[in-house]
Amino acid sequence: DIAKRATIHTLRHSFATHLLEGGCDIRTVQELLGHSSVETTMIYTHVA
């Protein structure tokens, strides 16, 4: 009964957001997500 739109890709976003909220550094999150640019990973910082 989750009211928000959620897809499999949402899990990727949640993973990154939870890592950042847990204090994981942005470079580690970048590597785990496979982003070539940290700017792409920085998108998650506004959510976290």
All heavy atoms as atom14 arrays in JSON, in Angstrom:
{
  "sequence": "DIAKRATIHTLRHSFATHLLEGGCDIRTVQELLGHSSVETTMIYTHVA",
  "atom14_mask": [
    [1, 1, 1, 1, 1, 1, 1, 1, 0, 0, 0, 0, 0, 0],
    [1, 1, 1, 1, 1, 1, 1, 1, 0, 0, 0, 0, 0, 0],
    [1, 1, 1, 1, 1, 0, 0, 0, 0, 0, 0, 0, 0, 0],
    [1, 1, 1, 1, 1, 1, 1, 1, 1, 0, 0, 0, 0, 0],
    [1, 1, 1, 1, 1, 1, 1, 1, 1, 1, 1, 0, 0, 0],
    [1, 1, 1, 1, 1, 0, 0, 0, 0, 0, 0, 0, 0, 0],
    [1, 1, 1, 1, 1, 1, 1, 0, 0, 0, 0, 0, 0, 0],
    [1, 1, 1, 1, 1, 1, 1, 1, 0, 0, 0, 0, 0, 0],
    [1, 1, 1, 1, 1, 1, 1, 1, 1, 1, 0, 0, 0, 0],
    [1, 1, 1, 1, 1, 1, 1, 0, 0, 0, 0, 0, 0, 0],
    [1, 1, 1, 1, 1, 1, 1, 1, 0, 0, 0, 0, 0, 0],
    [1, 1, 1, 1, 1, 1, 1, 1, 1, 1, 1, 0, 0, 0],
    [1, 1, 1, 1, 1, 1, 1, 1, 1, 1, 0, 0, 0, 0],
    [1, 1, 1, 1, 1, 1, 0, 0, 0, 0, 0, 0, 0, 0],
    [1, 1, 1, 1, 1, 1, 1, 1, 1, 1, 1, 0, 0, 0],
    [1, 1, 1, 1, 1, 0, 0, 0, 0, 0, 0, 0, 0, 0],
    [1, 1, 1, 1, 1, 1, 1, 0, 0, 0, 0, 0, 0, 0],
    [1, 1, 1, 1, 1, 1, 1, 1, 1, 1, 0, 0, 0, 0],
    [1, 1, 1, 1, 1, 1, 1, 1, 0, 0, 0, 0, 0, 0],
    [1, 1, 1, 1, 1, 1, 1, 1, 0, 0, 0, 0, 0, 0],
    [1, 1, 1, 1, 1, 1, 1, 1, 1, 0, 0, 0, 0, 0],
    [1, 1, 1, 1, 0, 0, 0, 0, 0, 0, 0, 0, 0, 0],
    [1, 1, 1, 1, 0, 0, 0, 0, 0, 0, 0, 0, 0, 0],
    [1, 1, 1, 1, 1, 1, 0, 0, 0, 0, 0, 0, 0, 0],
    [1, 1, 1, 1, 1, 1, 1, 1, 0, 0, 0, 0, 0, 0],
    [1, 1, 1, 1, 1, 1, 1, 1, 0, 0, 0, 0, 0, 0],
    [1, 1, 1, 1, 1, 1, 1, 1, 1, 1, 1, 0, 0, 0],
    [1, 1, 1, 1, 1, 1, 1, 0, 0, 0, 0, 0, 0, 0],
    [1, 1, 1, 1, 1, 1, 1, 0, 0, 0, 0, 0, 0, 0],
    [1, 1, 1, 1, 1, 1, 1, 1, 1, 0, 0, 0, 0, 0],
    [1, 1, 1, 1, 1, 1, 1, 1, 1, 0, 0, 0, 0, 0],
    [1, 1, 1, 1, 1, 1, 1, 1, 0, 0, 0, 0, 0, 0],
    [1, 1, 1, 1, 1, 1, 1, 1, 0, 0, 0, 0, 0, 0],
    [1, 1, 1, 1, 0, 0, 0, 0, 0, 0, 0, 0, 0, 0],
    [1, 1, 1, 1, 1, 1, 1, 1, 1, 1, 0, 0, 0, 0],
    [1, 1, 1, 1, 1, 1, 0, 0, 0, 0, 0, 0, 0, 0],
    [1, 1, 1, 1, 1, 1, 0, 0, 0, 0, 0, 0, 0, 0],
    [1, 1, 1, 1, 1, 1, 1, 0, 0, 0, 0, 0, 0, 0],
    [1, 1, 1, 1, 1, 1, 1, 1, 1, 0, 0, 0, 0, 0],
    [1, 1, 1, 1, 1, 1, 1, 0, 0, 0, 0, 0, 0, 0],
    [1, 1, 1, 1, 1, 1, 1, 0, 0, 0, 0, 0, 0, 0],
    [1, 1, 1, 1, 1, 1, 1, 1, 0, 0, 0, 0, 0, 0],
    [1, 1, 1, 1, 1, 1, 1, 1, 0, 0, 0, 0, 0, 0],
    [1, 1, 1, 1, 1, 1, 1, 1, 1, 1, 1, 1, 0, 0],
    [1, 1, 1, 1, 1, 1, 1, 0, 0, 0, 0, 0, 0, 0],
    [1, 1, 1, 1, 1, 1, 1, 1, 1, 1, 0, 0, 0, 0],
    [1, 1, 1, 1, 1, 1, 1, 0, 0, 0, 0, 0, 0, 0],
    [1, 1, 1, 1, 1, 0, 0, 0, 0, 0, 0, 0, 0, 0]
  ],
  "atom14_positions": [
    [[0.83, -1.21, 0.0], [0.0, 0.0, 0.0], [0.86, 1.27, 0.0], [0.59, 2.23, 0.72], [-0.96, -0.01, 1.19], [-2.15, 0.92, 0.97], [-2.48, 1.19, -0.21], [-2.72, 1.38, 1.97], [0.0, 0.0, 0.0], [0.0, 0.0, 0.0], [0.0, 0.0, 0.0], [0.0, 0.0, 0.0], [0.0, 0.0, 0.0], [0.0, 0.0, 0.0]],
    [[1.91, 1.25, -0.82], [2.8, 2.41, -0.97], [2.16, 3.36, -1.97], [1.87, 2.97, -3.11], [4.21, 1.99, -1.41], [4.84, 1.13, -0.31], [5.07, 3.2, -1.74], [6.16, 0.48, -0.7], [0.0, 0.0, 0.0], [0.0, 0.0, 0.0], [0.0, 0.0, 0.0], [0.0, 0.0, 0.0], [0.0, 0.0, 0.0], [0.0, 0.0, 0.0]],
    [[1.93, 4.59, -1.54], [1.22, 5.55, -2.38], [2.12, 6.19, -3.44], [1.65, 6.62, -4.48], [0.6, 6.64, -1.5], [0.0, 0.0, 0.0], [0.0, 0.0, 0.0], [0.0, 0.0, 0.0], [0.0, 0.0, 0.0], [0.0, 0.0, 0.0], [0.0, 0.0, 0.0], [0.0, 0.0, 0.0], [0.0, 0.0, 0.0], [0.0, 0.0, 0.0]],
    [[3.41, 6.28, -3.19], [4.32, 6.9, -4.15], [4.61, 5.97, -5.31], [4.59, 4.75, -5.17], [5.66, 7.26, -3.46], [5.53, 8.34, -2.42], [6.89, 8.66, -1.86], [6.82, 9.78, -0.85], [8.14, 10.13, -0.34], [0.0, 0.0, 0.0], [0.0, 0.0, 0.0], [0.0, 0.0, 0.0], [0.0, 0.0, 0.0], [0.0, 0.0, 0.0]],
    [[4.91, 6.56, -6.46], [5.31, 5.79, -7.64], [6.67, 5.15, -7.34], [7.6, 5.83, -6.87], [5.42, 6.7, -8.85], [5.78, 5.96, -10.11], [5.85, 6.92, -11.31], [6.17, 6.22, -12.51], [7.42, 5.91, -12.9], [8.44, 6.25, -12.16], [7.63, 5.27, -14.04], [0.0, 0.0, 0.0], [0.0, 0.0, 0.0], [0.0, 0.0, 0.0]],
    [[6.78, 3.86, -7.58], [8.03, 3.16, -7.32], [8.27, 2.13, -8.42], [7.36, 1.41, -8.81], [8.0, 2.48, -5.96], [0.0, 0.0, 0.0], [0.0, 0.0, 0.0], [0.0, 0.0, 0.0], [0.0, 0.0, 0.0], [0.0, 0.0, 0.0], [0.0, 0.0, 0.0], [0.0, 0.0, 0.0], [0.0, 0.0, 0.0], [0.0, 0.0, 0.0]],
    [[9.5, 2.09, -8.91], [9.92, 1.12, -9.92], [11.19, 0.45, -9.42], [11.75, 0.85, -8.4], [10.21, 1.8, -11.27], [11.34, 2.68, -11.1], [9.01, 2.59, -11.77], [0.0, 0.0, 0.0], [0.0, 0.0, 0.0], [0.0, 0.0, 0.0], [0.0, 0.0, 0.0], [0.0, 0.0, 0.0], [0.0, 0.0, 0.0], [0.0, 0.0, 0.0]],
    [[11.64, -0.53, -10.15], [12.91, -1.17, -9.8], [14.02, -0.12, -9.73], [14.88, -0.16, -8.85], [13.27, -2.27, -10.83], [12.28, -3.43, -10.73], [14.68, -2.75, -10.66], [12.35, -4.22, -9.45], [0.0, 0.0, 0.0], [0.0, 0.0, 0.0], [0.0, 0.0, 0.0], [0.0, 0.0, 0.0], [0.0, 0.0, 0.0], [0.0, 0.0, 0.0]],
    [[13.99, 0.83, -10.63], [15.02, 1.87, -10.64], [14.97, 2.72, -9.37], [15.99, 3.27, -8.94], [14.9, 2.75, -11.89], [16.11, 3.56, -12.16], [17.28, 3.0, -12.63], [16.36, 4.89, -12.01], [18.19, 3.95, -12.76], [17.66, 5.1, -12.38], [0.0, 0.0, 0.0], [0.0, 0.0, 0.0], [0.0, 0.0, 0.0], [0.0, 0.0, 0.0]],
    [[13.8, 2.81, -8.74], [13.66, 3.53, -7.48], [14.58, 2.92, -6.42], [15.11, 3.64, -5.57], [12.19, 3.48, -7.0], [11.35, 3.97, -8.03], [11.99, 4.31, -5.74], [0.0, 0.0, 0.0], [0.0, 0.0, 0.0], [0.0, 0.0, 0.0], [0.0, 0.0, 0.0], [0.0, 0.0, 0.0], [0.0, 0.0, 0.0], [0.0, 0.0, 0.0]],
    [[14.79, 1.61, -6.49], [15.68, 0.95, -5.53], [17.11, 1.46, -5.65], [17.8, 1.62, -4.65], [15.64, -0.57, -5.72], [14.29, -1.24, -5.48], [14.37, -2.72, -5.82], [13.82, -1.02, -4.06], [0.0, 0.0, 0.0], [0.0, 0.0, 0.0], [0.0, 0.0, 0.0], [0.0, 0.0, 0.0], [0.0, 0.0, 0.0], [0.0, 0.0, 0.0]],
    [[17.53, 1.75, -6.86], [18.87, 2.31, -7.09], [18.98, 3.68, -6.42], [19.97, 3.98, -5.75], [19.12, 2.4, -8.59], [20.46, 2.97, -9.01], [20.56, 2.92, -10.53], [21.65, 3.72, -11.02], [22.91, 3.3, -11.12], [23.22, 2.07, -10.76], [23.85, 4.08, -11.58], [0.0, 0.0, 0.0], [0.0, 0.0, 0.0], [0.0, 0.0, 0.0]],
    [[17.95, 4.5, -6.59], [17.94, 5.83, -5.98], [17.91, 5.72, -4.45], [18.62, 6.46, -3.76], [16.75, 6.65, -6.48], [16.86, 7.04, -7.91], [17.57, 8.16, -8.32], [16.4, 6.46, -9.04], [17.51, 8.24, -9.64], [16.82, 7.23, -10.1], [0.0, 0.0, 0.0], [0.0, 0.0, 0.0], [0.0, 0.0, 0.0], [0.0, 0.0, 0.0]],
    [[17.09, 4.81, -3.94], [17.0, 4.61, -2.49], [18.34, 4.15, -1.93], [18.77, 4.6, -0.86], [15.93, 3.57, -2.15], [14.68, 4.03, -2.55], [0.0, 0.0, 0.0], [0.0, 0.0, 0.0], [0.0, 0.0, 0.0], [0.0, 0.0, 0.0], [0.0, 0.0, 0.0], [0.0, 0.0, 0.0], [0.0, 0.0, 0.0], [0.0, 0.0, 0.0]],
    [[19.0, 3.25, -2.63], [20.31, 2.74, -2.21], [21.28, 3.9, -2.04], [21.92, 4.06, -0.99], [20.81, 1.75, -3.28], [22.18, 1.19, -3.06], [22.41, 0.27, -2.06], [23.24, 1.58, -3.88], [23.69, -0.27, -1.87], [24.5, 1.05, -3.69], [24.73, 0.12, -2.69], [0.0, 0.0, 0.0], [0.0, 0.0, 0.0], [0.0, 0.0, 0.0]],
    [[21.38, 4.75, -3.05], [22.29, 5.89, -3.0], [21.91, 6.86, -1.89], [22.77, 7.32, -1.12], [22.31, 6.62, -4.34], [0.0, 0.0, 0.0], [0.0, 0.0, 0.0], [0.0, 0.0, 0.0], [0.0, 0.0, 0.0], [0.0, 0.0, 0.0], [0.0, 0.0, 0.0], [0.0, 0.0, 0.0], [0.0, 0.0, 0.0], [0.0, 0.0, 0.0]],
    [[20.64, 7.15, -1.78], [20.16, 8.1, -0.77], [20.46, 7.59, 0.64], [20.97, 8.33, 1.49], [18.65, 8.35, -0.94], [18.42, 8.85, -2.26], [18.14, 9.36, 0.07], [0.0, 0.0, 0.0], [0.0, 0.0, 0.0], [0.0, 0.0, 0.0], [0.0, 0.0, 0.0], [0.0, 0.0, 0.0], [0.0, 0.0, 0.0], [0.0, 0.0, 0.0]],
    [[20.18, 6.32, 0.89], [20.44, 5.75, 2.22], [21.93, 5.72, 2.55], [22.32, 5.96, 3.7], [19.83, 4.36, 2.35], [18.34, 4.36, 2.43], [17.64, 4.99, 3.43], [17.41, 3.81, 1.62], [16.34, 4.82, 3.25], [16.18, 4.12, 2.14], [0.0, 0.0, 0.0], [0.0, 0.0, 0.0], [0.0, 0.0, 0.0], [0.0, 0.0, 0.0]],
    [[22.76, 5.44, 1.55], [24.21, 5.47, 1.78], [24.65, 6.87, 2.2], [25.4, 7.03, 3.16], [24.98, 5.03, 0.53], [24.96, 3.54, 0.22], [25.59, 3.29, -1.16], [25.71, 2.75, 1.28], [0.0, 0.0, 0.0], [0.0, 0.0, 0.0], [0.0, 0.0, 0.0], [0.0, 0.0, 0.0], [0.0, 0.0, 0.0], [0.0, 0.0, 0.0]],
    [[24.18, 7.87, 1.48], [24.56, 9.25, 1.79], [24.02, 9.67, 3.16], [24.72, 10.3, 3.94], [24.09, 10.2, 0.7], [24.82, 10.06, -0.63], [24.09, 10.81, -1.74], [26.26, 10.53, -0.52], [0.0, 0.0, 0.0], [0.0, 0.0, 0.0], [0.0, 0.0, 0.0], [0.0, 0.0, 0.0], [0.0, 0.0, 0.0], [0.0, 0.0, 0.0]],
    [[22.78, 9.32, 3.45], [22.2, 9.66, 4.75], [22.92, 8.95, 5.89], [22.96, 9.44, 7.01], [20.71, 9.31, 4.79], [19.86, 10.27, 3.99], [18.39, 9.88, 3.96], [18.05, 8.73, 4.33], [17.58, 10.73, 3.56], [0.0, 0.0, 0.0], [0.0, 0.0, 0.0], [0.0, 0.0, 0.0], [0.0, 0.0, 0.0], [0.0, 0.0, 0.0]],
    [[23.5, 7.79, 5.58], [24.26, 7.03, 6.58], [25.68, 7.51, 6.75], [26.45, 6.94, 7.53], [0.0, 0.0, 0.0], [0.0, 0.0, 0.0], [0.0, 0.0, 0.0], [0.0, 0.0, 0.0], [0.0, 0.0, 0.0], [0.0, 0.0, 0.0], [0.0, 0.0, 0.0], [0.0, 0.0, 0.0], [0.0, 0.0, 0.0], [0.0, 0.0, 0.0]],
    [[26.07, 8.54, 6.0], [27.4, 9.12, 6.15], [28.45, 8.61, 5.17], [29.62, 8.94, 5.28], [0.0, 0.0, 0.0], [0.0, 0.0, 0.0], [0.0, 0.0, 0.0], [0.0, 0.0, 0.0], [0.0, 0.0, 0.0], [0.0, 0.0, 0.0], [0.0, 0.0, 0.0], [0.0, 0.0, 0.0], [0.0, 0.0, 0.0], [0.0, 0.0, 0.0]],
    [[28.04, 7.82, 4.2], [28.99, 7.31, 3.2], [29.47, 8.47, 2.33], [28.69, 9.36, 1.97], [28.29, 6.26, 2.34], [29.37, 5.35, 1.26], [0.0, 0.0, 0.0], [0.0, 0.0, 0.0], [0.0, 0.0, 0.0], [0.0, 0.0, 0.0], [0.0, 0.0, 0.0], [0.0, 0.0, 0.0], [0.0, 0.0, 0.0], [0.0, 0.0, 0.0]],
    [[30.74, 8.47, 1.99], [31.26, 9.59, 1.18], [30.8, 9.47, -0.27], [30.53, 8.39, -0.77], [32.79, 9.65, 1.27], [33.46, 8.49, 0.58], [33.58, 7.41, 1.21], [33.85, 8.63, -0.59], [0.0, 0.0, 0.0], [0.0, 0.0, 0.0], [0.0, 0.0, 0.0], [0.0, 0.0, 0.0], [0.0, 0.0, 0.0], [0.0, 0.0, 0.0]],
    [[30.7, 10.61, -0.91], [30.13, 10.72, -2.25], [30.93, 9.92, -3.29], [30.37, 9.35, -4.21], [29.98, 12.21, -2.67], [29.1, 12.35, -3.92], [31.32, 12.86, -2.9], [27.65, 12.38, -3.63], [0.0, 0.0, 0.0], [0.0, 0.0, 0.0], [0.0, 0.0, 0.0], [0.0, 0.0, 0.0], [0.0, 0.0, 0.0], [0.0, 0.0, 0.0]],
    [[32.25, 9.83, -3.13], [33.09, 9.09, -4.1], [32.79, 7.59, -4.03], [32.79, 6.92, -5.06], [34.58, 9.34, -3.83], [35.01, 10.76, -4.07], [35.15, 11.05, -5.53], [35.61, 12.41, -5.72], [35.62, 13.02, -6.85], [35.2, 12.4, -7.94], [36.02, 14.25, -6.96], [0.0, 0.0, 0.0], [0.0, 0.0, 0.0], [0.0, 0.0, 0.0]],
    [[32.56, 7.07, -2.82], [32.22, 5.65, -2.68], [30.87, 5.38, -3.33], [30.7, 4.39, -4.05], [32.21, 5.24, -1.2], [33.49, 5.51, -0.64], [31.88, 3.77, -1.02], [0.0, 0.0, 0.0], [0.0, 0.0, 0.0], [0.0, 0.0, 0.0], [0.0, 0.0, 0.0], [0.0, 0.0, 0.0], [0.0, 0.0, 0.0], [0.0, 0.0, 0.0]],
    [[29.91, 6.25, -3.1], [28.58, 6.1, -3.72], [28.72, 6.17, -5.24], [28.12, 5.38, -5.97], [27.59, 7.17, -3.19], [26.25, 7.06, -3.92], [27.41, 7.03, -1.69], [0.0, 0.0, 0.0], [0.0, 0.0, 0.0], [0.0, 0.0, 0.0], [0.0, 0.0, 0.0], [0.0, 0.0, 0.0], [0.0, 0.0, 0.0], [0.0, 0.0, 0.0]],
    [[29.55, 7.08, -5.72], [29.8, 7.21, -7.16], [30.28, 5.87, -7.73], [29.8, 5.4, -8.76], [30.84, 8.3, -7.42], [31.27, 8.4, -8.87], [32.48, 9.32, -9.07], [32.99, 9.91, -8.13], [32.92, 9.41, -10.3], [0.0, 0.0, 0.0], [0.0, 0.0, 0.0], [0.0, 0.0, 0.0], [0.0, 0.0, 0.0], [0.0, 0.0, 0.0]],
    [[31.25, 5.26, -7.06], [31.82, 4.0, -7.53], [30.79, 2.87, -7.49], [30.68, 2.08, -8.42], [33.04, 3.63, -6.69], [33.81, 2.47, -7.29], [35.17, 2.31, -6.66], [35.85, 3.31, -6.37], [35.55, 1.14, -6.46], [0.0, 0.0, 0.0], [0.0, 0.0, 0.0], [0.0, 0.0, 0.0], [0.0, 0.0, 0.0], [0.0, 0.0, 0.0]],
    [[30.03, 2.8, -6.4], [29.02, 1.74, -6.27], [27.93, 1.86, -7.32], [27.39, 0.85, -7.78], [28.4, 1.77, -4.86], [29.3, 1.31, -3.73], [28.67, 1.61, -2.38], [29.61, -0.19, -3.86], [0.0, 0.0, 0.0], [0.0, 0.0, 0.0], [0.0, 0.0, 0.0], [0.0, 0.0, 0.0], [0.0, 0.0, 0.0], [0.0, 0.0, 0.0]],
    [[27.6, 3.07, -7.72], [26.57, 3.28, -8.75], [27.13, 3.19, -10.16], [26.38, 3.11, -11.13], [25.89, 4.63, -8.55], [25.05, 4.79, -7.28], [24.48, 6.19, -7.2], [23.94, 3.76, -7.23], [0.0, 0.0, 0.0], [0.0, 0.0, 0.0], [0.0, 0.0, 0.0], [0.0, 0.0, 0.0], [0.0, 0.0, 0.0], [0.0, 0.0, 0.0]],
    [[28.45, 3.24, -10.28], [29.06, 3.16, -11.6], [29.02, 4.46, -12.39], [29.1, 4.45, -13.61], [0.0, 0.0, 0.0], [0.0, 0.0, 0.0], [0.0, 0.0, 0.0], [0.0, 0.0, 0.0], [0.0, 0.0, 0.0], [0.0, 0.0, 0.0], [0.0, 0.0, 0.0], [0.0, 0.0, 0.0], [0.0, 0.0, 0.0], [0.0, 0.0, 0.0]],
    [[28.89, 5.58, -11.68], [28.89, 6.88, -12.37], [30.3, 7.27, -12.76], [31.22, 7.13, -11.95], [28.32, 7.97, -11.44], [26.87, 7.83, -11.15], [26.28, 8.4, -10.05], [25.88, 7.19, -11.83], [24.99, 8.11, -10.05], [24.72, 7.38, -11.12], [0.0, 0.0, 0.0], [0.0, 0.0, 0.0], [0.0, 0.0, 0.0], [0.0, 0.0, 0.0]],
    [[30.49, 7.76, -13.96], [31.82, 8.2, -14.37], [32.12, 9.6, -13.83], [33.27, 9.96, -13.65], [31.96, 8.16, -15.89], [30.9, 8.84, -16.5], [0.0, 0.0, 0.0], [0.0, 0.0, 0.0], [0.0, 0.0, 0.0], [0.0, 0.0, 0.0], [0.0, 0.0, 0.0], [0.0, 0.0, 0.0], [0.0, 0.0, 0.0], [0.0, 0.0, 0.0]],
    [[31.07, 10.36, -13.54], [31.25, 11.72, -13.04], [30.59, 11.87, -11.68], [29.44, 11.44, -11.47], [30.63, 12.71, -14.03], [30.5, 13.98, -13.43], [0.0, 0.0, 0.0], [0.0, 0.0, 0.0], [0.0, 0.0, 0.0], [0.0, 0.0, 0.0], [0.0, 0.0, 0.0], [0.0, 0.0, 0.0], [0.0, 0.0, 0.0], [0.0, 0.0, 0.0]],
    [[31.29, 12.5, -10.75], [30.73, 12.73, -9.41], [29.54, 13.68, -9.48], [28.66, 13.65, -8.61], [31.81, 13.21, -8.41], [32.15, 14.67, -8.64], [31.37, 12.98, -6.98], [0.0, 0.0, 0.0], [0.0, 0.0, 0.0], [0.0, 0.0, 0.0], [0.0, 0.0, 0.0], [0.0, 0.0, 0.0], [0.0, 0.0, 0.0], [0.0, 0.0, 0.0]],
    [[29.49, 14.51, -10.51], [28.36, 15.43, -10.68], [27.04, 14.65, -10.81], [26.01, 15.08, -10.31], [28.54, 16.36, -11.88], [29.5, 17.5, -11.65], [30.97, 17.08, -11.7], [31.3, 16.1, -12.42], [31.79, 17.72, -11.02], [0.0, 0.0, 0.0], [0.0, 0.0, 0.0], [0.0, 0.0, 0.0], [0.0, 0.0, 0.0], [0.0, 0.0, 0.0]],
    [[27.09, 13.52, -11.49], [25.9, 12.69, -11.63], [25.46, 12.18, -10.25], [24.27, 12.19, -9.93], [26.17, 11.5, -12.57], [26.68, 12.0, -13.79], [24.92, 10.69, -12.82], [0.0, 0.0, 0.0], [0.0, 0.0, 0.0], [0.0, 0.0, 0.0], [0.0, 0.0, 0.0], [0.0, 0.0, 0.0], [0.0, 0.0, 0.0], [0.0, 0.0, 0.0]],
    [[26.42, 11.77, -9.45], [26.12, 11.27, -8.11], [25.6, 12.37, -7.2], [24.77, 12.12, -6.32], [27.38, 10.62, -7.49], [27.98, 9.76, -8.46], [27.03, 9.81, -6.25], [0.0, 0.0, 0.0], [0.0, 0.0, 0.0], [0.0, 0.0, 0.0], [0.0, 0.0, 0.0], [0.0, 0.0, 0.0], [0.0, 0.0, 0.0], [0.0, 0.0, 0.0]],
    [[26.06, 13.6, -7.43], [25.66, 14.73, -6.59], [24.14, 14.98, -6.64], [23.58, 15.58, -5.73], [26.38, 16.01, -7.03], [27.88, 15.98, -6.78], [28.32, 15.97, -5.05], [27.99, 17.67, -4.63], [0.0, 0.0, 0.0], [0.0, 0.0, 0.0], [0.0, 0.0, 0.0], [0.0, 0.0, 0.0], [0.0, 0.0, 0.0], [0.0, 0.0, 0.0]],
    [[23.48, 14.47, -7.67], [22.03, 14.61, -7.77], [21.36, 14.04, -6.52], [20.36, 14.56, -6.05], [21.5, 13.9, -9.05], [21.99, 14.62, -10.3], [19.98, 13.77, -9.03], [21.8, 13.84, -11.58], [0.0, 0.0, 0.0], [0.0, 0.0, 0.0], [0.0, 0.0, 0.0], [0.0, 0.0, 0.0], [0.0, 0.0, 0.0], [0.0, 0.0, 0.0]],
    [[21.96, 12.99, -5.96], [21.37, 12.33, -4.8], [21.54, 13.14, -3.51], [20.82, 12.89, -2.55], [21.98, 10.94, -4.6], [21.68, 10.02, -5.76], [22.62, 9.78, -6.76], [20.44, 9.4, -5.87], [22.33, 8.95, -7.82], [20.15, 8.57, -6.94], [21.1, 8.35, -7.9], [20.81, 7.54, -8.96], [0.0, 0.0, 0.0], [0.0, 0.0, 0.0]],
    [[22.45, 14.08, -3.49], [22.67, 14.84, -2.25], [21.49, 15.73, -1.9], [21.23, 15.96, -0.72], [23.96, 15.68, -2.32], [23.87, 16.59, -3.42], [25.19, 14.81, -2.46], [0.0, 0.0, 0.0], [0.0, 0.0, 0.0], [0.0, 0.0, 0.0], [0.0, 0.0, 0.0], [0.0, 0.0, 0.0], [0.0, 0.0, 0.0], [0.0, 0.0, 0.0]],
    [[20.76, 16.21, -2.9], [19.6, 17.06, -2.57], [18.45, 16.25, -1.98], [17.63, 16.76, -1.25], [19.13, 17.85, -3.8], [18.26, 17.09, -4.73], [18.76, 16.22, -5.65], [16.91, 17.04, -4.87], [17.77, 15.67, -6.33], [16.63, 16.15, -5.87], [0.0, 0.0, 0.0], [0.0, 0.0, 0.0], [0.0, 0.0, 0.0], [0.0, 0.0, 0.0]],
    [[18.42, 14.96, -2.29], [17.38, 14.08, -1.76], [17.75, 13.61, -0.35], [16.89, 13.46, 0.51], [17.19, 12.85, -2.69], [16.12, 11.92, -2.14], [16.83, 13.3, -4.09], [0.0, 0.0, 0.0], [0.0, 0.0, 0.0], [0.0, 0.0, 0.0], [0.0, 0.0, 0.0], [0.0, 0.0, 0.0], [0.0, 0.0, 0.0], [0.0, 0.0, 0.0]],
    [[19.03, 13.44, -0.12], [19.5, 12.88, 1.16], [19.59, 13.95, 2.23], [20.66, 14.26, 2.73], [20.86, 12.21, 0.94], [0.0, 0.0, 0.0], [0.0, 0.0, 0.0], [0.0, 0.0, 0.0], [0.0, 0.0, 0.0], [0.0, 0.0, 0.0], [0.0, 0.0, 0.0], [0.0, 0.0, 0.0], [0.0, 0.0, 0.0], [0.0, 0.0, 0.0]]
  ]
}
